Amino acid sequence: MRQKVELAFQVCTWVLPSSRLRARLYALLFPVGAGTTIGPGALFYRPHGERSVLRLGRRVCVGRRVRIDLSGRVDIGSDVTIAEEASLLTHEHSMASRALRREQPWETHPLLIGDDAWICMRAIVLPRVGRIGRGAIIGAGAVVTKEVPDYWIVAGNPARKIGERGAGPVADHLSDEGGV
C-alpha cells in the first residue's frame, strides 16, 4: 500500500509548476534542507520495495527527470547540483550463478555526495561508488564506477580524472586527443 501512495505522490509532484513546492512536498517523505529545489519528473524510487533512507542538504538542486535509486542509503550534502537526467544507482543484482535473474540476490550500497558537488547532465553513478567527494564535478554523460575524491573533476566512460578544482584551468589536464 505504501508503494501505491508513494507512486501517487510522485505523479502528483510532476504537475506542480514550482520546484520549491515539490521540495516541500517531498519533505513529507524524507529530510529536505531549506532552499532545495526538485525539478519536474525527478524520481526517487525503490525498485525492490525495501525501506530506504534519503537526506537532501540545504540548497540542493535536483534537475528535471533525475533518477535516484533509494535501495541503499543516499545522503546528499548541501549546495549540491544534480543536473537533468542524471541517474544515481545504489543496488545491483548478483551474476554469480546461472539461476534466473529474478532469482538472483541483489545488494544495496550507500552513496554519500559531499557538499558543493556537481553531477552534470545525464551522468550515471553506478552502485559501489560509495562517495562523491566535496566539490567534485562529474562531467556530462560520465559513467562513474569508483569513488571520486574531494575536488576532482571526472568525465568519460568510464569516468576518469581530468582535473581538480582550484588547480588551474581544466584544459591543462586534458589529453592530447582533445579530452575524454
N, C-alpha and C. Protein backbone atom coordinates (compact mmCIF):
# COMPACT_ATOMS: atom_id res chain seq x y z
N MET A 1 0.81 -1.19 0.00
CA MET A 1 0.00 0.00 0.00
C MET A 1 0.87 1.27 0.00
N ARG A 2 1.94 1.24 0.82
CA ARG A 2 2.81 2.41 0.90
C ARG A 2 3.40 2.75 -0.47
N GLN A 3 3.76 1.72 -1.25
CA GLN A 3 4.32 1.97 -2.57
C GLN A 3 3.30 2.66 -3.47
N LYS A 4 2.04 2.28 -3.37
CA LYS A 4 1.00 2.90 -4.19
C LYS A 4 0.82 4.37 -3.79
N VAL A 5 0.88 4.65 -2.50
CA VAL A 5 0.78 6.03 -2.03
C VAL A 5 1.96 6.85 -2.54
N GLU A 6 3.17 6.28 -2.46
CA GLU A 6 4.35 6.99 -2.93
C GLU A 6 4.29 7.21 -4.44
N LEU A 7 3.80 6.23 -5.20
CA LEU A 7 3.67 6.39 -6.64
C LEU A 7 2.68 7.51 -6.96
N ALA A 8 1.55 7.53 -6.28
CA ALA A 8 0.56 8.60 -6.50
C ALA A 8 1.17 9.95 -6.15
N PHE A 9 1.94 9.98 -5.08
CA PHE A 9 2.63 11.20 -4.66
C PHE A 9 3.58 11.67 -5.76
N GLN A 10 4.38 10.74 -6.32
CA GLN A 10 5.32 11.08 -7.38
C GLN A 10 4.58 11.67 -8.58
N VAL A 11 3.48 11.03 -8.98
CA VAL A 11 2.71 11.51 -10.13
C VAL A 11 2.19 12.92 -9.87
N CYS A 12 1.68 13.16 -8.67
CA CYS A 12 1.15 14.49 -8.33
C CYS A 12 2.25 15.56 -8.40
N THR A 13 3.46 15.22 -7.99
CA THR A 13 4.53 16.21 -7.99
C THR A 13 4.99 16.57 -9.39
N TRP A 14 4.74 15.73 -10.37
CA TRP A 14 5.13 16.03 -11.75
C TRP A 14 4.40 17.24 -12.29
N VAL A 15 3.17 17.45 -11.86
CA VAL A 15 2.35 18.51 -12.43
C VAL A 15 2.51 19.85 -11.70
N LEU A 16 3.21 19.86 -10.59
CA LEU A 16 3.40 21.10 -9.85
C LEU A 16 4.33 22.03 -10.62
N PRO A 17 3.97 23.30 -10.75
CA PRO A 17 4.80 24.23 -11.52
C PRO A 17 6.04 24.72 -10.76
N SER A 18 6.09 24.55 -9.47
CA SER A 18 7.16 25.12 -8.67
C SER A 18 8.10 24.06 -8.12
N SER A 19 9.42 24.20 -8.39
CA SER A 19 10.39 23.24 -7.88
C SER A 19 10.54 23.34 -6.37
N ARG A 20 10.30 24.53 -5.81
CA ARG A 20 10.35 24.67 -4.34
C ARG A 20 9.15 24.00 -3.68
N LEU A 21 7.98 24.10 -4.30
CA LEU A 21 6.79 23.44 -3.77
C LEU A 21 6.96 21.93 -3.82
N ARG A 22 7.55 21.42 -4.90
CA ARG A 22 7.83 19.98 -4.99
C ARG A 22 8.73 19.55 -3.84
N ALA A 23 9.76 20.34 -3.57
CA ALA A 23 10.68 20.01 -2.48
C ALA A 23 9.95 20.00 -1.13
N ARG A 24 9.05 20.94 -0.93
CA ARG A 24 8.28 20.96 0.33
C ARG A 24 7.41 19.71 0.46
N LEU A 25 6.83 19.27 -0.64
CA LEU A 25 6.02 18.06 -0.59
C LEU A 25 6.88 16.83 -0.31
N TYR A 26 8.04 16.75 -0.96
CA TYR A 26 8.93 15.61 -0.70
C TYR A 26 9.42 15.61 0.74
N ALA A 27 9.46 16.77 1.36
CA ALA A 27 9.89 16.85 2.77
C ALA A 27 8.94 16.08 3.68
N LEU A 28 7.76 15.74 3.20
CA LEU A 28 6.85 14.89 3.97
C LEU A 28 7.34 13.45 4.00
N LEU A 29 8.19 13.06 3.04
CA LEU A 29 8.68 11.69 2.94
C LEU A 29 10.09 11.50 3.47
N PHE A 30 10.94 12.53 3.34
CA PHE A 30 12.32 12.42 3.78
C PHE A 30 12.87 13.81 4.07
N PRO A 31 13.99 13.89 4.83
CA PRO A 31 14.55 15.20 5.18
C PRO A 31 15.03 15.98 3.95
N VAL A 32 14.55 17.20 3.82
CA VAL A 32 14.91 18.09 2.72
C VAL A 32 15.34 19.42 3.32
N GLY A 33 16.57 19.85 3.04
CA GLY A 33 17.09 21.09 3.59
C GLY A 33 16.45 22.32 2.97
N ALA A 34 16.52 23.43 3.69
CA ALA A 34 15.96 24.70 3.22
C ALA A 34 16.60 25.12 1.90
N GLY A 35 15.79 25.71 1.03
CA GLY A 35 16.27 26.22 -0.23
C GLY A 35 16.48 25.17 -1.31
N THR A 36 16.12 23.92 -1.03
CA THR A 36 16.27 22.84 -2.01
C THR A 36 15.19 22.94 -3.08
N THR A 37 15.56 22.63 -4.32
CA THR A 37 14.60 22.60 -5.42
C THR A 37 14.64 21.23 -6.08
N ILE A 38 13.48 20.77 -6.54
CA ILE A 38 13.36 19.48 -7.21
C ILE A 38 12.60 19.69 -8.51
N GLY A 39 13.26 19.40 -9.62
CA GLY A 39 12.68 19.63 -10.93
C GLY A 39 11.57 18.66 -11.28
N PRO A 40 10.77 19.02 -12.28
CA PRO A 40 9.67 18.14 -12.69
C PRO A 40 10.20 16.82 -13.23
N GLY A 41 9.49 15.76 -12.90
CA GLY A 41 9.86 14.44 -13.39
C GLY A 41 10.98 13.78 -12.62
N ALA A 42 11.53 14.44 -11.59
CA ALA A 42 12.55 13.79 -10.76
C ALA A 42 11.90 12.60 -10.07
N LEU A 43 12.61 11.49 -10.03
CA LEU A 43 12.04 10.26 -9.49
C LEU A 43 12.95 9.69 -8.42
N PHE A 44 12.40 9.53 -7.24
CA PHE A 44 13.09 8.89 -6.13
C PHE A 44 12.38 7.55 -5.98
N TYR A 45 13.07 6.45 -6.25
CA TYR A 45 12.38 5.17 -6.32
C TYR A 45 13.11 4.06 -5.59
N ARG A 46 12.35 3.02 -5.24
CA ARG A 46 12.87 1.83 -4.58
C ARG A 46 12.43 0.63 -5.43
N PRO A 47 13.29 0.14 -6.31
CA PRO A 47 12.87 -0.90 -7.25
C PRO A 47 12.42 -2.20 -6.60
N HIS A 48 12.90 -2.48 -5.42
CA HIS A 48 12.52 -3.74 -4.78
C HIS A 48 11.61 -3.53 -3.57
N GLY A 49 11.16 -2.32 -3.36
CA GLY A 49 10.19 -2.04 -2.31
C GLY A 49 10.75 -2.05 -0.91
N GLU A 50 12.05 -2.16 -0.76
CA GLU A 50 12.64 -2.18 0.58
C GLU A 50 12.62 -0.79 1.21
N ARG A 51 12.83 -0.77 2.49
CA ARG A 51 12.89 0.50 3.20
C ARG A 51 14.17 1.24 2.80
N SER A 52 14.10 2.54 2.72
CA SER A 52 15.25 3.30 2.26
C SER A 52 15.41 4.59 3.05
N VAL A 53 16.59 5.18 2.89
CA VAL A 53 16.87 6.43 3.58
C VAL A 53 17.43 7.42 2.57
N LEU A 54 16.87 8.62 2.55
CA LEU A 54 17.37 9.70 1.70
C LEU A 54 17.42 10.96 2.55
N ARG A 55 18.50 11.72 2.40
CA ARG A 55 18.61 13.02 3.04
C ARG A 55 19.17 13.99 2.02
N LEU A 56 18.48 15.12 1.86
CA LEU A 56 18.95 16.19 0.98
C LEU A 56 19.34 17.38 1.85
N GLY A 57 20.56 17.86 1.67
CA GLY A 57 21.04 19.00 2.45
C GLY A 57 20.39 20.31 2.00
N ARG A 58 20.94 21.42 2.46
CA ARG A 58 20.42 22.75 2.12
C ARG A 58 20.83 23.15 0.70
N ARG A 59 19.92 23.84 0.03
CA ARG A 59 20.18 24.42 -1.29
C ARG A 59 20.62 23.37 -2.33
N VAL A 60 20.07 22.18 -2.24
CA VAL A 60 20.34 21.15 -3.25
C VAL A 60 19.44 21.43 -4.44
N CYS A 61 19.98 21.26 -5.63
CA CYS A 61 19.20 21.43 -6.86
C CYS A 61 19.15 20.07 -7.57
N VAL A 62 17.95 19.49 -7.62
CA VAL A 62 17.74 18.23 -8.33
C VAL A 62 17.02 18.59 -9.63
N GLY A 63 17.66 18.33 -10.76
CA GLY A 63 17.12 18.74 -12.05
C GLY A 63 15.97 17.88 -12.55
N ARG A 64 15.48 18.27 -13.72
CA ARG A 64 14.38 17.56 -14.37
C ARG A 64 14.78 16.12 -14.68
N ARG A 65 13.86 15.22 -14.45
CA ARG A 65 13.98 13.80 -14.80
C ARG A 65 15.21 13.12 -14.21
N VAL A 66 15.71 13.60 -13.08
CA VAL A 66 16.78 12.92 -12.36
C VAL A 66 16.19 11.65 -11.76
N ARG A 67 16.97 10.56 -11.75
CA ARG A 67 16.54 9.29 -11.17
C ARG A 67 17.48 8.96 -10.02
N ILE A 68 16.91 8.78 -8.83
CA ILE A 68 17.71 8.41 -7.66
C ILE A 68 17.14 7.12 -7.08
N ASP A 69 17.94 6.06 -7.16
CA ASP A 69 17.60 4.74 -6.63
C ASP A 69 17.83 4.78 -5.12
N LEU A 70 16.77 4.56 -4.37
CA LEU A 70 16.86 4.64 -2.91
C LEU A 70 17.03 3.27 -2.26
N SER A 71 17.50 2.28 -3.01
CA SER A 71 17.70 0.96 -2.42
C SER A 71 18.70 1.01 -1.27
N GLY A 72 19.80 1.73 -1.48
CA GLY A 72 20.79 1.94 -0.43
C GLY A 72 20.60 3.34 0.15
N ARG A 73 21.19 3.61 1.26
CA ARG A 73 21.10 4.94 1.86
C ARG A 73 21.73 5.97 0.93
N VAL A 74 21.05 7.09 0.71
CA VAL A 74 21.58 8.17 -0.12
C VAL A 74 21.61 9.44 0.73
N ASP A 75 22.79 9.99 0.90
CA ASP A 75 22.98 11.19 1.72
C ASP A 75 23.63 12.25 0.84
N ILE A 76 22.88 13.30 0.52
CA ILE A 76 23.35 14.35 -0.37
C ILE A 76 23.60 15.61 0.44
N GLY A 77 24.83 16.11 0.41
CA GLY A 77 25.22 17.27 1.20
C GLY A 77 24.57 18.56 0.71
N SER A 78 24.98 19.66 1.27
CA SER A 78 24.43 20.98 0.92
C SER A 78 25.10 21.54 -0.34
N ASP A 79 24.36 22.41 -1.03
CA ASP A 79 24.85 23.12 -2.22
C ASP A 79 25.26 22.17 -3.35
N VAL A 80 24.61 21.02 -3.43
CA VAL A 80 24.88 20.04 -4.48
C VAL A 80 23.93 20.31 -5.65
N THR A 81 24.45 20.15 -6.87
CA THR A 81 23.63 20.23 -8.07
C THR A 81 23.66 18.88 -8.77
N ILE A 82 22.47 18.36 -9.04
CA ILE A 82 22.33 17.13 -9.83
C ILE A 82 21.53 17.53 -11.06
N ALA A 83 22.21 17.62 -12.19
CA ALA A 83 21.60 18.17 -13.41
C ALA A 83 20.64 17.18 -14.07
N GLU A 84 19.94 17.69 -15.07
CA GLU A 84 18.89 16.96 -15.76
C GLU A 84 19.31 15.56 -16.19
N GLU A 85 18.41 14.61 -15.96
CA GLU A 85 18.51 13.22 -16.42
C GLU A 85 19.69 12.45 -15.88
N ALA A 86 20.33 12.92 -14.81
CA ALA A 86 21.39 12.15 -14.16
C ALA A 86 20.74 10.98 -13.41
N SER A 87 21.50 9.90 -13.23
CA SER A 87 21.00 8.72 -12.52
C SER A 87 21.98 8.32 -11.43
N LEU A 88 21.45 8.10 -10.23
CA LEU A 88 22.25 7.63 -9.11
C LEU A 88 21.71 6.25 -8.72
N LEU A 89 22.54 5.22 -8.84
CA LEU A 89 22.10 3.85 -8.60
C LEU A 89 22.76 3.30 -7.35
N THR A 90 21.98 2.59 -6.53
CA THR A 90 22.52 2.08 -5.27
C THR A 90 22.25 0.60 -5.05
N HIS A 91 21.85 -0.12 -6.09
CA HIS A 91 21.70 -1.56 -5.94
C HIS A 91 22.15 -2.26 -7.21
N GLU A 92 22.49 -3.54 -7.07
CA GLU A 92 22.90 -4.35 -8.21
C GLU A 92 22.48 -5.79 -7.97
N HIS A 93 22.32 -6.51 -9.05
CA HIS A 93 21.95 -7.93 -8.98
C HIS A 93 23.20 -8.79 -9.10
N SER A 94 23.20 -9.89 -8.39
CA SER A 94 24.30 -10.83 -8.47
C SER A 94 24.27 -11.55 -9.82
N MET A 95 25.42 -11.94 -10.28
CA MET A 95 25.51 -12.74 -11.51
C MET A 95 26.34 -13.98 -11.23
N ALA A 96 26.37 -14.41 -9.97
CA ALA A 96 27.25 -15.49 -9.55
C ALA A 96 26.80 -16.86 -10.04
N SER A 97 25.52 -17.05 -10.26
CA SER A 97 25.06 -18.37 -10.70
C SER A 97 24.29 -18.25 -12.00
N ARG A 98 23.86 -19.39 -12.50
CA ARG A 98 23.09 -19.41 -13.74
C ARG A 98 21.59 -19.42 -13.48
N ALA A 99 21.22 -19.16 -12.26
CA ALA A 99 19.79 -19.09 -11.92
C ALA A 99 19.15 -17.93 -12.67
N LEU A 100 17.84 -17.97 -12.78
CA LEU A 100 17.13 -16.88 -13.42
C LEU A 100 17.47 -15.56 -12.74
N ARG A 101 17.51 -14.49 -13.52
CA ARG A 101 17.87 -13.18 -12.96
C ARG A 101 16.99 -12.82 -11.79
N ARG A 102 15.69 -13.06 -11.91
CA ARG A 102 14.78 -12.69 -10.82
C ARG A 102 15.02 -13.50 -9.55
N GLU A 103 15.72 -14.62 -9.68
CA GLU A 103 16.05 -15.45 -8.51
C GLU A 103 17.42 -15.11 -7.92
N GLN A 104 18.15 -14.24 -8.59
CA GLN A 104 19.47 -13.84 -8.11
C GLN A 104 19.31 -12.86 -6.94
N PRO A 105 20.17 -12.96 -5.95
CA PRO A 105 20.11 -11.97 -4.88
C PRO A 105 20.59 -10.61 -5.39
N TRP A 106 20.24 -9.56 -4.69
CA TRP A 106 20.72 -8.23 -5.03
C TRP A 106 21.31 -7.60 -3.79
N GLU A 107 22.22 -6.67 -4.02
CA GLU A 107 22.92 -5.98 -2.93
C GLU A 107 22.67 -4.49 -3.03
N THR A 108 22.59 -3.86 -1.86
CA THR A 108 22.47 -2.40 -1.84
C THR A 108 23.78 -1.80 -1.35
N HIS A 109 24.01 -0.57 -1.77
CA HIS A 109 25.24 0.14 -1.41
C HIS A 109 24.90 1.58 -1.08
N PRO A 110 25.40 2.12 0.03
CA PRO A 110 25.13 3.52 0.36
C PRO A 110 25.88 4.45 -0.57
N LEU A 111 25.37 5.67 -0.70
CA LEU A 111 26.02 6.70 -1.52
C LEU A 111 26.01 8.00 -0.75
N LEU A 112 27.18 8.59 -0.58
CA LEU A 112 27.35 9.89 0.07
C LEU A 112 27.87 10.86 -0.97
N ILE A 113 27.17 11.99 -1.12
CA ILE A 113 27.62 13.04 -2.03
C ILE A 113 27.98 14.25 -1.17
N GLY A 114 29.24 14.66 -1.23
CA GLY A 114 29.73 15.75 -0.40
C GLY A 114 29.18 17.12 -0.81
N ASP A 115 29.29 18.07 0.10
CA ASP A 115 28.84 19.44 -0.16
C ASP A 115 29.48 19.98 -1.43
N ASP A 116 28.73 20.82 -2.15
CA ASP A 116 29.21 21.56 -3.32
C ASP A 116 29.62 20.66 -4.50
N ALA A 117 29.16 19.42 -4.52
CA ALA A 117 29.43 18.56 -5.68
C ALA A 117 28.48 18.94 -6.81
N TRP A 118 28.90 18.63 -8.03
CA TRP A 118 28.09 18.95 -9.20
C TRP A 118 28.09 17.72 -10.09
N ILE A 119 26.92 17.15 -10.29
CA ILE A 119 26.75 15.99 -11.15
C ILE A 119 26.03 16.50 -12.40
N CYS A 120 26.74 16.51 -13.52
CA CYS A 120 26.23 17.14 -14.74
C CYS A 120 25.22 16.25 -15.47
N MET A 121 24.62 16.83 -16.48
CA MET A 121 23.53 16.21 -17.23
C MET A 121 23.87 14.81 -17.72
N ARG A 122 22.94 13.90 -17.50
CA ARG A 122 22.99 12.50 -17.96
C ARG A 122 24.16 11.71 -17.44
N ALA A 123 24.81 12.17 -16.38
CA ALA A 123 25.85 11.36 -15.75
C ALA A 123 25.17 10.19 -15.04
N ILE A 124 25.90 9.09 -14.93
CA ILE A 124 25.40 7.90 -14.24
C ILE A 124 26.40 7.54 -13.15
N VAL A 125 25.90 7.42 -11.93
CA VAL A 125 26.73 6.97 -10.80
C VAL A 125 26.28 5.55 -10.49
N LEU A 126 27.18 4.58 -10.70
CA LEU A 126 26.83 3.17 -10.53
C LEU A 126 26.93 2.75 -9.06
N PRO A 127 26.30 1.61 -8.73
CA PRO A 127 26.41 1.09 -7.37
C PRO A 127 27.88 0.84 -7.02
N ARG A 128 28.19 0.77 -5.77
CA ARG A 128 29.53 0.54 -5.22
C ARG A 128 30.45 1.76 -5.29
N VAL A 129 29.98 2.87 -5.85
CA VAL A 129 30.82 4.08 -5.87
C VAL A 129 31.06 4.54 -4.44
N GLY A 130 30.03 4.58 -3.65
CA GLY A 130 30.17 4.90 -2.23
C GLY A 130 30.22 6.38 -1.91
N ARG A 131 31.05 7.13 -2.63
CA ARG A 131 31.24 8.54 -2.26
C ARG A 131 31.63 9.39 -3.45
N ILE A 132 30.95 10.51 -3.58
CA ILE A 132 31.35 11.58 -4.49
C ILE A 132 31.83 12.69 -3.55
N GLY A 133 33.09 13.07 -3.64
CA GLY A 133 33.69 13.98 -2.69
C GLY A 133 33.18 15.41 -2.73
N ARG A 134 33.50 16.12 -1.69
CA ARG A 134 33.18 17.55 -1.57
C ARG A 134 33.76 18.30 -2.76
N GLY A 135 32.93 19.12 -3.42
CA GLY A 135 33.39 19.96 -4.51
C GLY A 135 33.72 19.22 -5.80
N ALA A 136 33.45 17.93 -5.86
CA ALA A 136 33.75 17.15 -7.08
C ALA A 136 32.80 17.55 -8.20
N ILE A 137 33.27 17.38 -9.43
CA ILE A 137 32.44 17.64 -10.61
C ILE A 137 32.46 16.37 -11.47
N ILE A 138 31.26 15.89 -11.80
CA ILE A 138 31.10 14.73 -12.67
C ILE A 138 30.62 15.27 -14.02
N GLY A 139 31.41 15.10 -15.07
CA GLY A 139 31.09 15.66 -16.38
C GLY A 139 29.82 15.07 -16.99
N ALA A 140 29.24 15.80 -17.92
CA ALA A 140 28.03 15.37 -18.60
C ALA A 140 28.26 14.02 -19.28
N GLY A 141 27.32 13.09 -19.07
CA GLY A 141 27.38 11.78 -19.71
C GLY A 141 28.40 10.83 -19.10
N ALA A 142 29.09 11.22 -18.05
CA ALA A 142 30.10 10.36 -17.43
C ALA A 142 29.44 9.13 -16.80
N VAL A 143 30.19 8.04 -16.76
CA VAL A 143 29.74 6.83 -16.07
C VAL A 143 30.74 6.59 -14.94
N VAL A 144 30.29 6.87 -13.72
CA VAL A 144 31.17 6.79 -12.55
C VAL A 144 31.11 5.38 -11.97
N THR A 145 32.28 4.75 -11.88
CA THR A 145 32.37 3.37 -11.39
C THR A 145 33.13 3.26 -10.07
N LYS A 146 33.82 4.33 -9.67
CA LYS A 146 34.65 4.32 -8.46
C LYS A 146 34.42 5.60 -7.67
N GLU A 147 34.86 5.60 -6.43
CA GLU A 147 34.78 6.79 -5.59
C GLU A 147 35.49 7.96 -6.26
N VAL A 148 34.92 9.15 -6.09
CA VAL A 148 35.52 10.37 -6.63
C VAL A 148 36.00 11.22 -5.44
N PRO A 149 37.30 11.45 -5.31
CA PRO A 149 37.83 12.23 -4.18
C PRO A 149 37.39 13.71 -4.23
N ASP A 150 37.57 14.38 -3.10
CA ASP A 150 37.23 15.80 -2.99
C ASP A 150 37.89 16.61 -4.11
N TYR A 151 37.10 17.48 -4.72
CA TYR A 151 37.53 18.48 -5.70
C TYR A 151 38.05 17.90 -7.03
N TRP A 152 37.91 16.60 -7.24
CA TRP A 152 38.28 16.04 -8.54
C TRP A 152 37.25 16.40 -9.57
N ILE A 153 37.70 16.53 -10.81
CA ILE A 153 36.81 16.69 -11.97
C ILE A 153 36.99 15.43 -12.80
N VAL A 154 35.90 14.70 -13.02
CA VAL A 154 35.98 13.46 -13.79
C VAL A 154 35.02 13.53 -14.97
N ALA A 155 35.35 12.79 -16.04
CA ALA A 155 34.49 12.74 -17.22
C ALA A 155 34.78 11.45 -17.96
N GLY A 156 33.89 11.08 -18.86
CA GLY A 156 34.11 9.93 -19.73
C GLY A 156 33.41 8.67 -19.28
N ASN A 157 33.63 7.60 -20.06
CA ASN A 157 33.04 6.30 -19.78
C ASN A 157 34.11 5.24 -19.98
N PRO A 158 34.65 4.70 -18.88
CA PRO A 158 34.33 5.05 -17.50
C PRO A 158 34.95 6.40 -17.13
N ALA A 159 34.38 7.02 -16.12
CA ALA A 159 34.86 8.34 -15.70
C ALA A 159 36.30 8.23 -15.21
N ARG A 160 37.10 9.23 -15.62
CA ARG A 160 38.48 9.31 -15.14
C ARG A 160 38.80 10.76 -14.83
N LYS A 161 39.81 10.97 -14.04
CA LYS A 161 40.18 12.31 -13.62
C LYS A 161 40.69 13.11 -14.80
N ILE A 162 40.12 14.32 -14.96
CA ILE A 162 40.63 15.24 -15.99
C ILE A 162 41.14 16.53 -15.36
N GLY A 163 40.99 16.68 -14.06
CA GLY A 163 41.47 17.88 -13.41
C GLY A 163 41.03 17.93 -11.96
N GLU A 164 41.37 19.05 -11.33
CA GLU A 164 40.97 19.31 -9.95
C GLU A 164 40.52 20.75 -9.85
N ARG A 165 39.49 20.98 -9.07
CA ARG A 165 39.07 22.37 -8.83
C ARG A 165 40.16 23.09 -8.06
N GLY A 166 40.46 24.29 -8.48
CA GLY A 166 41.46 25.09 -7.78
C GLY A 166 42.88 24.79 -8.19
N ALA A 167 43.07 23.92 -9.21
CA ALA A 167 44.43 23.55 -9.63
C ALA A 167 44.76 24.08 -11.02
N GLY A 168 44.15 25.17 -11.42
CA GLY A 168 44.41 25.73 -12.74
C GLY A 168 43.32 25.32 -13.72
N PRO A 169 43.43 25.82 -14.95
CA PRO A 169 42.41 25.51 -15.96
C PRO A 169 42.30 24.02 -16.22
N VAL A 170 41.07 23.54 -16.39
CA VAL A 170 40.84 22.13 -16.68
C VAL A 170 41.52 21.74 -17.98
N ALA A 171 41.58 22.65 -18.94
CA ALA A 171 42.18 22.34 -20.24
C ALA A 171 43.65 21.88 -20.09
N ASP A 172 44.34 22.34 -19.06
CA ASP A 172 45.72 21.93 -18.83
C ASP A 172 45.83 20.45 -18.53
N HIS A 173 44.72 19.84 -18.10
CA HIS A 173 44.76 18.44 -17.68
C HIS A 173 44.21 17.48 -18.74
N LEU A 174 43.74 18.00 -19.86
CA LEU A 174 43.17 17.14 -20.89
C LEU A 174 44.28 16.48 -21.71
N SER A 175 43.95 15.32 -22.27
CA SER A 175 44.93 14.61 -23.08
C SER A 175 45.12 15.30 -24.44
N ASP A 176 46.14 14.89 -25.17
CA ASP A 176 46.42 15.45 -26.49
C ASP A 176 45.30 15.17 -27.49
N GLU A 177 44.48 14.13 -27.25
CA GLU A 177 43.40 13.78 -28.17
C GLU A 177 42.22 14.73 -28.01
N GLY A 178 42.33 15.74 -27.21
CA GLY A 178 41.24 16.70 -27.06
C GLY A 178 40.30 16.39 -25.92
N GLY A 179 40.72 15.59 -24.99
CA GLY A 179 39.85 15.30 -23.84
C GLY A 179 39.43 13.87 -23.79
N VAL A 180 38.31 13.66 -23.15
CA VAL A 180 37.82 12.30 -22.96
C VAL A 180 36.66 12.02 -23.88
